[in-house]
N, C-alpha and C. Protein backbone atom coordinates (compact mmCIF):
# COMPACT_ATOMS: atom_id res chain seq x y z
N MET A 1 0.82 -1.20 0.00
CA MET A 1 0.00 0.00 0.00
C MET A 1 0.86 1.26 0.00
N TYR A 2 1.99 1.23 0.71
CA TYR A 2 2.77 2.44 0.90
C TYR A 2 3.50 2.91 -0.36
N GLU A 3 3.58 2.07 -1.39
CA GLU A 3 4.23 2.50 -2.62
C GLU A 3 3.44 3.59 -3.33
N ASN A 4 2.19 3.81 -2.93
CA ASN A 4 1.37 4.86 -3.53
C ASN A 4 1.54 6.20 -2.83
N PHE A 5 2.43 6.27 -1.86
CA PHE A 5 2.63 7.50 -1.09
C PHE A 5 4.03 8.05 -1.29
N GLY A 6 4.30 9.20 -0.71
CA GLY A 6 5.58 9.87 -0.92
C GLY A 6 5.41 10.90 -2.02
N ALA A 7 6.48 11.18 -2.74
CA ALA A 7 6.42 12.08 -3.91
C ALA A 7 6.24 11.17 -5.13
N VAL A 8 5.02 11.09 -5.61
CA VAL A 8 4.69 10.20 -6.72
C VAL A 8 4.84 10.98 -8.02
N VAL A 9 5.82 10.57 -8.84
CA VAL A 9 6.17 11.31 -10.06
C VAL A 9 5.56 10.62 -11.27
N SER A 10 4.98 11.44 -12.14
CA SER A 10 4.45 10.96 -13.42
C SER A 10 4.77 12.01 -14.46
N ASP A 11 5.70 11.69 -15.36
CA ASP A 11 6.18 12.63 -16.36
C ASP A 11 6.77 13.86 -15.66
N HIS A 12 6.22 15.04 -15.84
CA HIS A 12 6.74 16.26 -15.20
C HIS A 12 5.84 16.72 -14.07
N ARG A 13 5.06 15.82 -13.55
CA ARG A 13 4.10 16.11 -12.48
C ARG A 13 4.51 15.34 -11.23
N VAL A 14 4.35 15.98 -10.06
CA VAL A 14 4.63 15.29 -8.80
C VAL A 14 3.44 15.50 -7.87
N ALA A 15 3.02 14.41 -7.25
CA ALA A 15 1.94 14.46 -6.27
C ALA A 15 2.52 14.05 -4.92
N PHE A 16 2.50 14.97 -3.97
CA PHE A 16 2.96 14.67 -2.61
C PHE A 16 1.78 14.01 -1.88
N LYS A 17 2.02 12.82 -1.33
CA LYS A 17 0.96 12.08 -0.65
C LYS A 17 1.50 11.59 0.69
N LEU A 18 0.93 12.10 1.76
CA LEU A 18 1.36 11.74 3.10
C LEU A 18 0.19 11.08 3.82
N PHE A 19 0.35 9.82 4.20
CA PHE A 19 -0.71 9.00 4.77
C PHE A 19 -0.54 8.83 6.27
N PHE A 20 -1.66 8.91 7.02
CA PHE A 20 -1.69 8.62 8.45
C PHE A 20 -2.71 7.54 8.71
N PRO A 21 -2.29 6.39 9.26
CA PRO A 21 -3.26 5.33 9.57
C PRO A 21 -4.16 5.74 10.74
N ASP A 22 -5.39 5.23 10.75
CA ASP A 22 -6.36 5.54 11.80
C ASP A 22 -6.92 4.23 12.34
N THR A 23 -6.65 3.95 13.62
CA THR A 23 -7.13 2.70 14.21
C THR A 23 -8.64 2.64 14.29
N ALA A 24 -9.32 3.78 14.30
CA ALA A 24 -10.78 3.77 14.33
C ALA A 24 -11.35 3.21 13.02
N LYS A 25 -10.62 3.37 11.92
CA LYS A 25 -11.06 2.86 10.62
C LYS A 25 -10.51 1.47 10.34
N ASP A 26 -9.28 1.23 10.75
CA ASP A 26 -8.62 -0.04 10.47
C ASP A 26 -7.67 -0.37 11.61
N PRO A 27 -8.13 -1.15 12.59
CA PRO A 27 -7.30 -1.46 13.77
C PRO A 27 -5.99 -2.17 13.44
N SER A 28 -5.88 -2.79 12.26
CA SER A 28 -4.65 -3.49 11.92
C SER A 28 -3.54 -2.55 11.46
N GLN A 29 -3.85 -1.28 11.21
CA GLN A 29 -2.89 -0.35 10.66
C GLN A 29 -1.89 0.19 11.69
N TYR A 30 -2.34 0.45 12.88
CA TYR A 30 -1.49 1.16 13.84
C TYR A 30 -1.98 0.86 15.24
N VAL A 31 -1.09 0.62 16.17
CA VAL A 31 -1.53 0.25 17.51
C VAL A 31 -1.14 1.26 18.58
N ASN A 32 -0.31 2.23 18.28
CA ASN A 32 0.17 3.16 19.31
C ASN A 32 -0.55 4.50 19.24
N GLY A 33 -1.63 4.62 19.98
CA GLY A 33 -2.31 5.90 20.07
C GLY A 33 -3.15 6.23 18.86
N GLY A 34 -3.64 7.47 18.81
CA GLY A 34 -4.52 7.91 17.74
C GLY A 34 -3.80 8.78 16.73
N LEU A 35 -4.60 9.47 15.94
CA LEU A 35 -4.05 10.35 14.91
C LEU A 35 -3.38 11.57 15.54
N PRO A 36 -2.33 12.09 14.92
CA PRO A 36 -1.72 13.32 15.44
C PRO A 36 -2.68 14.49 15.24
N ARG A 37 -2.63 15.43 16.13
CA ARG A 37 -3.53 16.60 16.07
C ARG A 37 -2.85 17.69 15.25
N ILE A 38 -3.08 17.61 13.96
CA ILE A 38 -2.41 18.48 13.00
C ILE A 38 -3.37 19.56 12.50
N THR A 39 -2.87 20.80 12.47
CA THR A 39 -3.64 21.90 11.90
C THR A 39 -3.41 21.99 10.40
N ARG A 40 -2.12 21.88 10.01
CA ARG A 40 -1.80 21.92 8.58
C ARG A 40 -0.43 21.34 8.31
N ILE A 41 -0.24 20.91 7.05
CA ILE A 41 1.04 20.39 6.59
C ILE A 41 1.39 21.13 5.30
N GLN A 42 2.60 21.65 5.25
CA GLN A 42 3.10 22.32 4.05
C GLN A 42 4.28 21.53 3.50
N VAL A 43 4.50 21.64 2.20
CA VAL A 43 5.67 21.02 1.59
C VAL A 43 6.55 22.16 1.07
N THR A 44 7.81 22.11 1.45
CA THR A 44 8.74 23.15 1.05
C THR A 44 10.01 22.50 0.51
N GLY A 45 10.67 23.20 -0.42
CA GLY A 45 11.87 22.62 -0.98
C GLY A 45 12.46 23.45 -2.09
N ASP A 46 13.40 22.84 -2.82
CA ASP A 46 14.07 23.57 -3.88
C ASP A 46 13.31 23.52 -5.21
N PHE A 47 12.06 23.07 -5.17
CA PHE A 47 11.17 23.13 -6.32
C PHE A 47 10.37 24.42 -6.36
N GLN A 48 10.35 25.19 -5.26
CA GLN A 48 9.48 26.35 -5.14
C GLN A 48 9.80 27.46 -6.14
N SER A 49 11.05 27.55 -6.59
CA SER A 49 11.38 28.56 -7.60
C SER A 49 10.65 28.27 -8.91
N GLU A 50 10.30 27.01 -9.16
CA GLU A 50 9.54 26.63 -10.35
C GLU A 50 8.08 27.09 -10.24
N LEU A 51 7.65 27.44 -9.03
CA LEU A 51 6.29 27.90 -8.80
C LEU A 51 6.25 29.41 -8.60
N ALA A 52 7.26 30.10 -9.12
CA ALA A 52 7.38 31.57 -9.03
C ALA A 52 7.57 32.03 -7.59
N GLY A 53 8.27 31.24 -6.81
CA GLY A 53 8.57 31.62 -5.44
C GLY A 53 10.04 31.45 -5.16
N GLU A 54 10.38 31.50 -3.88
CA GLU A 54 11.76 31.26 -3.46
C GLU A 54 11.87 29.88 -2.85
N ASN A 55 12.95 29.20 -3.14
CA ASN A 55 13.16 27.87 -2.59
C ASN A 55 13.22 27.91 -1.07
N TRP A 56 12.64 26.90 -0.45
CA TRP A 56 12.61 26.72 0.99
C TRP A 56 11.93 27.87 1.73
N ASP A 57 11.00 28.55 1.09
CA ASP A 57 10.25 29.67 1.70
C ASP A 57 9.01 29.11 2.37
N ILE A 58 9.08 28.91 3.68
CA ILE A 58 7.98 28.30 4.41
C ILE A 58 6.74 29.19 4.41
N ALA A 59 6.92 30.50 4.36
CA ALA A 59 5.77 31.42 4.35
C ALA A 59 4.90 31.23 3.11
N ARG A 60 5.50 30.81 2.00
CA ARG A 60 4.75 30.62 0.75
C ARG A 60 4.74 29.16 0.29
N ALA A 61 5.05 28.27 1.20
CA ALA A 61 5.07 26.84 0.85
C ALA A 61 3.64 26.34 0.63
N PRO A 62 3.44 25.50 -0.37
CA PRO A 62 2.11 24.96 -0.62
C PRO A 62 1.59 24.14 0.57
N GLU A 63 0.30 24.22 0.80
CA GLU A 63 -0.33 23.47 1.88
C GLU A 63 -1.00 22.22 1.31
N LEU A 64 -0.75 21.09 1.96
CA LEU A 64 -1.37 19.85 1.54
C LEU A 64 -2.83 19.82 1.97
N VAL A 65 -3.67 19.19 1.16
CA VAL A 65 -5.10 19.11 1.44
C VAL A 65 -5.40 17.78 2.12
N LYS A 66 -6.13 17.86 3.22
CA LYS A 66 -6.49 16.67 3.99
C LYS A 66 -7.76 16.04 3.41
N THR A 67 -7.70 14.73 3.13
CA THR A 67 -8.87 14.00 2.64
C THR A 67 -8.98 12.67 3.36
N ASP A 68 -10.16 12.09 3.26
CA ASP A 68 -10.41 10.81 3.90
C ASP A 68 -9.80 9.68 3.09
N HIS A 69 -9.37 8.63 3.77
CA HIS A 69 -8.81 7.42 3.15
C HIS A 69 -9.44 6.23 3.87
N PRO A 70 -9.71 5.12 3.18
CA PRO A 70 -10.34 3.98 3.84
C PRO A 70 -9.61 3.47 5.09
N ASN A 71 -8.29 3.68 5.17
CA ASN A 71 -7.51 3.21 6.31
C ASN A 71 -7.01 4.33 7.20
N GLY A 72 -7.41 5.57 6.95
CA GLY A 72 -6.94 6.69 7.75
C GLY A 72 -7.24 8.01 7.07
N ILE A 73 -6.24 8.88 7.05
CA ILE A 73 -6.36 10.15 6.34
C ILE A 73 -5.13 10.34 5.46
N ILE A 74 -5.28 11.15 4.44
CA ILE A 74 -4.17 11.41 3.53
C ILE A 74 -4.12 12.91 3.25
N TYR A 75 -2.91 13.43 3.22
CA TYR A 75 -2.67 14.82 2.86
C TYR A 75 -2.01 14.82 1.48
N THR A 76 -2.50 15.65 0.56
CA THR A 76 -1.96 15.65 -0.80
C THR A 76 -1.79 17.06 -1.34
N TYR A 77 -0.84 17.20 -2.24
CA TYR A 77 -0.66 18.42 -3.02
C TYR A 77 0.03 18.02 -4.32
N THR A 78 -0.44 18.57 -5.44
CA THR A 78 0.10 18.20 -6.75
C THR A 78 0.66 19.42 -7.47
N ILE A 79 1.84 19.25 -8.04
CA ILE A 79 2.44 20.26 -8.91
C ILE A 79 2.40 19.68 -10.32
N ASP A 80 1.78 20.40 -11.24
CA ASP A 80 1.54 19.85 -12.58
C ASP A 80 2.73 19.91 -13.52
N GLN A 81 3.63 20.88 -13.36
CA GLN A 81 4.70 21.01 -14.34
C GLN A 81 6.01 21.41 -13.66
N LEU A 82 6.99 20.53 -13.69
CA LEU A 82 8.32 20.83 -13.18
C LEU A 82 9.34 20.50 -14.25
N SER A 83 10.43 21.24 -14.26
CA SER A 83 11.53 20.97 -15.19
C SER A 83 12.28 19.72 -14.73
N ASN A 84 13.04 19.13 -15.63
CA ASN A 84 13.88 17.99 -15.27
C ASN A 84 14.84 18.38 -14.16
N GLY A 85 15.04 17.49 -13.20
CA GLY A 85 15.99 17.79 -12.14
C GLY A 85 15.81 16.89 -10.93
N PHE A 86 16.72 17.05 -9.99
CA PHE A 86 16.71 16.35 -8.71
C PHE A 86 16.25 17.36 -7.68
N TYR A 87 15.10 17.14 -7.06
CA TYR A 87 14.50 18.12 -6.15
C TYR A 87 14.46 17.57 -4.72
N GLN A 88 14.79 18.44 -3.76
CA GLN A 88 14.75 18.09 -2.35
C GLN A 88 13.54 18.77 -1.70
N TYR A 89 12.98 18.11 -0.68
CA TYR A 89 11.82 18.69 0.00
C TYR A 89 11.71 18.16 1.42
N LYS A 90 10.92 18.85 2.21
CA LYS A 90 10.55 18.43 3.56
C LYS A 90 9.13 18.90 3.83
N TYR A 91 8.49 18.24 4.78
CA TYR A 91 7.18 18.68 5.23
C TYR A 91 7.36 19.57 6.46
N PHE A 92 6.52 20.60 6.55
CA PHE A 92 6.50 21.47 7.72
C PHE A 92 5.12 21.33 8.34
N VAL A 93 5.07 20.74 9.54
CA VAL A 93 3.81 20.39 10.18
C VAL A 93 3.52 21.38 11.31
N THR A 94 2.28 21.88 11.32
CA THR A 94 1.80 22.74 12.40
C THR A 94 0.73 21.97 13.16
N TYR A 95 0.92 21.84 14.48
CA TYR A 95 0.00 21.09 15.32
C TYR A 95 -1.03 22.03 15.96
N GLU A 96 -2.11 21.43 16.47
CA GLU A 96 -3.19 22.21 17.08
C GLU A 96 -2.72 23.06 18.25
N ASP A 97 -1.69 22.62 18.96
CA ASP A 97 -1.19 23.40 20.11
C ASP A 97 -0.23 24.52 19.68
N GLY A 98 -0.04 24.71 18.37
CA GLY A 98 0.81 25.79 17.86
C GLY A 98 2.26 25.40 17.63
N THR A 99 2.66 24.24 18.08
CA THR A 99 4.04 23.81 17.83
C THR A 99 4.20 23.40 16.37
N THR A 100 5.44 23.44 15.90
CA THR A 100 5.74 23.08 14.52
C THR A 100 6.89 22.09 14.49
N ARG A 101 7.00 21.40 13.35
CA ARG A 101 8.08 20.41 13.23
C ARG A 101 8.39 20.18 11.75
N TRP A 102 9.69 20.12 11.44
CA TRP A 102 10.14 19.73 10.11
C TRP A 102 10.17 18.21 10.07
N CYS A 103 9.65 17.62 9.00
CA CYS A 103 9.60 16.16 8.90
C CYS A 103 10.04 15.70 7.52
N GLY A 104 10.82 14.64 7.50
CA GLY A 104 11.15 14.00 6.23
C GLY A 104 9.95 13.18 5.76
N ASP A 105 10.01 12.69 4.56
CA ASP A 105 8.94 11.88 4.00
C ASP A 105 9.27 10.41 4.23
N PRO A 106 8.47 9.70 5.03
CA PRO A 106 8.79 8.30 5.32
C PRO A 106 8.68 7.38 4.10
N CYS A 107 8.07 7.84 3.02
CA CYS A 107 7.91 7.01 1.82
C CYS A 107 8.69 7.55 0.63
N CYS A 108 9.71 8.37 0.89
CA CYS A 108 10.44 8.98 -0.23
C CYS A 108 11.26 7.93 -0.98
N LYS A 109 11.52 8.23 -2.24
CA LYS A 109 12.30 7.31 -3.09
C LYS A 109 13.80 7.61 -3.00
N TYR A 110 14.14 8.86 -2.69
CA TYR A 110 15.54 9.28 -2.58
C TYR A 110 15.71 10.06 -1.28
N VAL A 111 16.92 10.01 -0.73
CA VAL A 111 17.26 10.83 0.43
C VAL A 111 18.49 11.63 0.05
N ALA A 112 18.38 12.96 0.13
CA ALA A 112 19.51 13.82 -0.19
C ALA A 112 20.47 13.82 0.99
N SER A 113 21.74 14.07 0.71
CA SER A 113 22.74 13.99 1.77
C SER A 113 22.68 15.18 2.72
N GLU A 114 22.15 16.29 2.26
CA GLU A 114 22.14 17.49 3.10
C GLU A 114 20.85 17.57 3.92
N HIS A 115 20.93 17.70 5.21
CA HIS A 115 19.81 17.91 6.13
C HIS A 115 18.77 16.79 6.09
N GLU A 116 19.15 15.60 5.63
CA GLU A 116 18.24 14.47 5.55
C GLU A 116 16.95 14.79 4.80
N ASN A 117 17.06 15.61 3.76
CA ASN A 117 15.90 15.97 2.97
C ASN A 117 15.43 14.78 2.14
N ALA A 118 14.13 14.68 1.96
CA ALA A 118 13.58 13.72 1.01
C ALA A 118 13.82 14.30 -0.38
N ALA A 119 13.73 13.47 -1.41
CA ALA A 119 13.99 13.97 -2.76
C ALA A 119 13.22 13.14 -3.79
N PHE A 120 13.06 13.75 -4.97
CA PHE A 120 12.46 13.05 -6.11
C PHE A 120 13.14 13.54 -7.38
N VAL A 121 12.98 12.78 -8.45
CA VAL A 121 13.62 13.09 -9.72
C VAL A 121 12.55 13.27 -10.78
N ILE A 122 12.68 14.35 -11.54
CA ILE A 122 11.82 14.60 -12.70
C ILE A 122 12.69 14.45 -13.94
N GLY A 123 12.22 13.68 -14.91
CA GLY A 123 12.96 13.52 -16.16
C GLY A 123 14.04 12.48 -16.03
N GLY A 124 15.10 12.70 -16.80
CA GLY A 124 16.16 11.71 -16.85
C GLY A 124 15.76 10.60 -17.78
N HIS A 125 16.34 9.47 -17.59
CA HIS A 125 16.02 8.34 -18.45
C HIS A 125 15.68 7.14 -17.59
N SER A 126 14.78 6.33 -18.09
CA SER A 126 14.43 5.13 -17.34
C SER A 126 15.40 4.03 -17.74
N THR A 127 15.61 3.13 -16.83
CA THR A 127 16.49 2.02 -17.10
C THR A 127 15.65 0.77 -17.28
N ASN A 128 15.75 0.17 -18.42
CA ASN A 128 15.06 -1.08 -18.66
C ASN A 128 16.02 -2.21 -18.31
N VAL A 129 15.62 -3.01 -17.36
CA VAL A 129 16.45 -4.11 -16.91
C VAL A 129 16.05 -5.36 -17.68
N GLU A 130 17.03 -5.97 -18.31
CA GLU A 130 16.74 -7.19 -19.05
C GLU A 130 16.76 -8.37 -18.08
N PRO A 131 15.79 -9.28 -18.24
CA PRO A 131 15.77 -10.43 -17.33
C PRO A 131 17.03 -11.27 -17.47
N ILE A 132 17.41 -11.90 -16.40
CA ILE A 132 18.58 -12.76 -16.41
C ILE A 132 18.24 -14.02 -17.20
N GLY A 133 19.04 -14.31 -18.21
CA GLY A 133 18.81 -15.49 -19.02
C GLY A 133 19.10 -16.76 -18.26
N GLU A 134 20.28 -16.83 -17.69
CA GLU A 134 20.67 -18.01 -16.93
C GLU A 134 21.23 -17.53 -15.60
N ARG A 135 20.63 -18.01 -14.53
CA ARG A 135 21.06 -17.58 -13.20
C ARG A 135 22.36 -18.27 -12.80
N ILE A 136 23.18 -17.54 -12.07
CA ILE A 136 24.42 -18.09 -11.53
C ILE A 136 24.07 -18.90 -10.29
N SER A 137 24.69 -20.02 -10.12
CA SER A 137 24.42 -20.82 -8.92
C SER A 137 24.91 -20.07 -7.69
N PHE A 138 24.28 -20.34 -6.56
CA PHE A 138 24.61 -19.64 -5.33
C PHE A 138 26.09 -19.75 -4.97
N HIS A 139 26.68 -20.91 -5.15
CA HIS A 139 28.08 -21.07 -4.73
C HIS A 139 29.06 -20.35 -5.67
N ASP A 140 28.59 -19.88 -6.84
CA ASP A 140 29.44 -19.11 -7.75
C ASP A 140 29.26 -17.60 -7.63
N LEU A 141 28.36 -17.17 -6.77
CA LEU A 141 28.13 -15.74 -6.61
C LEU A 141 29.29 -15.07 -5.88
N ILE A 142 29.69 -13.91 -6.37
CA ILE A 142 30.66 -13.06 -5.69
C ILE A 142 29.90 -11.77 -5.41
N ILE A 143 29.43 -11.65 -4.18
CA ILE A 143 28.49 -10.58 -3.81
C ILE A 143 29.23 -9.41 -3.19
N TYR A 144 28.88 -8.22 -3.65
CA TYR A 144 29.39 -6.99 -3.06
C TYR A 144 28.25 -6.34 -2.30
N GLU A 145 28.40 -6.18 -0.98
CA GLU A 145 27.40 -5.48 -0.18
C GLU A 145 27.65 -3.99 -0.34
N LEU A 146 26.80 -3.34 -1.08
CA LEU A 146 27.02 -1.95 -1.47
C LEU A 146 26.21 -0.99 -0.60
N MET A 147 26.93 -0.19 0.17
CA MET A 147 26.32 0.90 0.93
C MET A 147 26.24 2.09 -0.03
N ILE A 148 25.06 2.41 -0.49
CA ILE A 148 24.88 3.42 -1.53
C ILE A 148 25.53 4.74 -1.13
N ASP A 149 25.30 5.18 0.09
CA ASP A 149 25.84 6.47 0.54
C ASP A 149 27.36 6.47 0.51
N ASP A 150 27.99 5.44 1.08
CA ASP A 150 29.45 5.38 1.11
C ASP A 150 30.04 5.20 -0.28
N PHE A 151 29.43 4.34 -1.08
CA PHE A 151 29.95 4.02 -2.41
C PHE A 151 29.95 5.24 -3.33
N THR A 152 28.96 6.12 -3.18
CA THR A 152 28.81 7.25 -4.11
C THR A 152 29.23 8.60 -3.53
N ALA A 153 29.62 8.63 -2.28
CA ALA A 153 29.88 9.90 -1.58
C ALA A 153 30.93 10.77 -2.27
N GLY A 154 31.96 10.19 -2.80
CA GLY A 154 33.05 10.98 -3.36
C GLY A 154 32.82 11.56 -4.73
N PHE A 155 31.75 11.14 -5.42
CA PHE A 155 31.59 11.62 -6.80
C PHE A 155 30.16 11.95 -7.21
N ARG A 156 29.17 11.69 -6.39
CA ARG A 156 27.80 11.90 -6.87
C ARG A 156 27.33 13.35 -6.83
N GLU A 157 27.95 14.17 -6.00
CA GLU A 157 27.55 15.57 -5.81
C GLU A 157 26.07 15.64 -5.51
N ASN A 158 25.26 16.35 -6.30
CA ASN A 158 23.82 16.46 -6.03
C ASN A 158 22.99 15.53 -6.89
N GLY A 159 23.63 14.58 -7.55
CA GLY A 159 22.91 13.65 -8.41
C GLY A 159 22.20 12.58 -7.61
N ALA A 160 21.36 11.84 -8.28
CA ALA A 160 20.65 10.73 -7.63
C ALA A 160 21.65 9.62 -7.31
N PRO A 161 21.65 9.11 -6.09
CA PRO A 161 22.62 8.08 -5.71
C PRO A 161 22.59 6.84 -6.60
N VAL A 162 21.41 6.39 -7.01
CA VAL A 162 21.35 5.19 -7.83
C VAL A 162 21.98 5.44 -9.20
N ASP A 163 21.79 6.64 -9.75
CA ASP A 163 22.45 6.97 -11.02
C ASP A 163 23.96 6.95 -10.86
N ALA A 164 24.45 7.41 -9.71
CA ALA A 164 25.89 7.39 -9.46
C ALA A 164 26.41 5.95 -9.36
N VAL A 165 25.64 5.06 -8.77
CA VAL A 165 26.04 3.65 -8.72
C VAL A 165 26.15 3.10 -10.13
N LYS A 166 25.16 3.41 -10.97
CA LYS A 166 25.18 2.91 -12.35
C LYS A 166 26.42 3.37 -13.11
N GLU A 167 26.91 4.58 -12.81
CA GLU A 167 28.11 5.10 -13.48
C GLU A 167 29.34 4.25 -13.17
N LYS A 168 29.38 3.62 -12.01
CA LYS A 168 30.57 2.88 -11.57
C LYS A 168 30.39 1.37 -11.54
N ILE A 169 29.26 0.88 -12.03
CA ILE A 169 28.97 -0.55 -11.95
C ILE A 169 30.00 -1.40 -12.69
N ASP A 170 30.52 -0.89 -13.80
CA ASP A 170 31.52 -1.66 -14.56
C ASP A 170 32.80 -1.87 -13.75
N ASN A 171 33.13 -0.92 -12.87
CA ASN A 171 34.31 -1.09 -12.02
C ASN A 171 34.18 -2.31 -11.12
N LEU A 172 32.97 -2.57 -10.64
CA LEU A 172 32.75 -3.74 -9.80
C LEU A 172 32.87 -5.02 -10.62
N ALA A 173 32.32 -5.00 -11.83
CA ALA A 173 32.42 -6.17 -12.70
C ALA A 173 33.87 -6.47 -13.03
N ASP A 174 34.69 -5.43 -13.22
CA ASP A 174 36.11 -5.62 -13.49
C ASP A 174 36.83 -6.32 -12.34
N LEU A 175 36.30 -6.19 -11.14
CA LEU A 175 36.89 -6.84 -9.97
C LEU A 175 36.41 -8.29 -9.81
N GLY A 176 35.51 -8.72 -10.70
CA GLY A 176 35.00 -10.08 -10.64
C GLY A 176 33.69 -10.22 -9.88
N ILE A 177 33.14 -9.11 -9.45
CA ILE A 177 31.87 -9.15 -8.72
C ILE A 177 30.75 -9.42 -9.71
N ASN A 178 29.87 -10.37 -9.38
CA ASN A 178 28.78 -10.69 -10.28
C ASN A 178 27.40 -10.55 -9.64
N ALA A 179 27.35 -10.00 -8.42
CA ALA A 179 26.08 -9.75 -7.74
C ALA A 179 26.26 -8.60 -6.75
N ILE A 180 25.21 -7.81 -6.60
CA ILE A 180 25.24 -6.69 -5.64
C ILE A 180 24.07 -6.84 -4.68
N GLU A 181 24.37 -6.68 -3.40
CA GLU A 181 23.32 -6.60 -2.40
C GLU A 181 23.32 -5.18 -1.87
N PHE A 182 22.23 -4.46 -2.14
CA PHE A 182 22.13 -3.09 -1.66
C PHE A 182 21.83 -3.11 -0.17
N MET A 183 22.63 -2.38 0.58
CA MET A 183 22.42 -2.24 2.01
C MET A 183 21.39 -1.14 2.22
N PRO A 184 21.13 -0.68 3.44
CA PRO A 184 19.98 0.22 3.70
C PRO A 184 19.78 1.27 2.62
N TRP A 185 18.56 1.35 2.16
CA TRP A 185 18.20 2.20 1.01
C TRP A 185 17.99 3.64 1.41
N THR A 186 17.54 3.89 2.64
CA THR A 186 17.29 5.26 3.10
C THR A 186 18.10 5.55 4.35
N ALA A 187 18.27 6.81 4.61
CA ALA A 187 19.11 7.25 5.74
C ALA A 187 18.35 7.19 7.06
N TRP A 188 19.10 7.03 8.13
CA TRP A 188 18.58 7.15 9.48
C TRP A 188 18.99 8.51 10.00
N ARG A 189 18.58 8.81 11.19
CA ARG A 189 18.95 10.11 11.79
C ARG A 189 20.46 10.29 11.82
N GLY A 190 20.88 11.53 11.63
CA GLY A 190 22.30 11.82 11.69
C GLY A 190 22.93 11.93 10.34
N GLY A 191 22.17 11.73 9.27
CA GLY A 191 22.69 11.96 7.93
C GLY A 191 23.48 10.82 7.35
N GLU A 192 23.57 9.70 8.07
CA GLU A 192 24.33 8.56 7.56
C GLU A 192 23.43 7.35 7.49
N PHE A 193 23.81 6.40 6.69
CA PHE A 193 23.07 5.14 6.63
C PHE A 193 23.45 4.30 7.82
N SER A 194 22.54 3.48 8.29
CA SER A 194 22.78 2.69 9.47
C SER A 194 22.98 1.23 9.08
């Protein structure tokens, strides 16, 4: 179910979808307490200049719209046209008691290295993976456990980490590696992978 949430990209359009499970609607979804008491959620990031604003301007950040969901509630906001690029964002949550909090996106596809921002990619090229014709037997596998953050840190700059891995994949093959096991896909607190 959660693959439908986060920053959902389609062509040059992105839909921010943030889901909160509600035990009153579906007791199997969440067991610790009820829904958070939220007044509003805004999305801010380096895409805002594309909307005739300033990047990371919380005062003019778009507000997500709260709607009902069969298993809880969902907050959404859609941007119809963005240029190709790697965009970083965060949610800014305002609670009923007036407190605020910056939050990453728990369903994001990319994590930027700076400030643990969530990220998404518009454009670029898709990679078509050809099915494996003949599988290598388990005892012949030479597996490289690849920490995406560490492996790409020295050369990826602001690019998408997976694209940076693809740039260097031949180097691993030259070493005789014939399988890759990706280690943690998203960052934990502190800006590093755990």
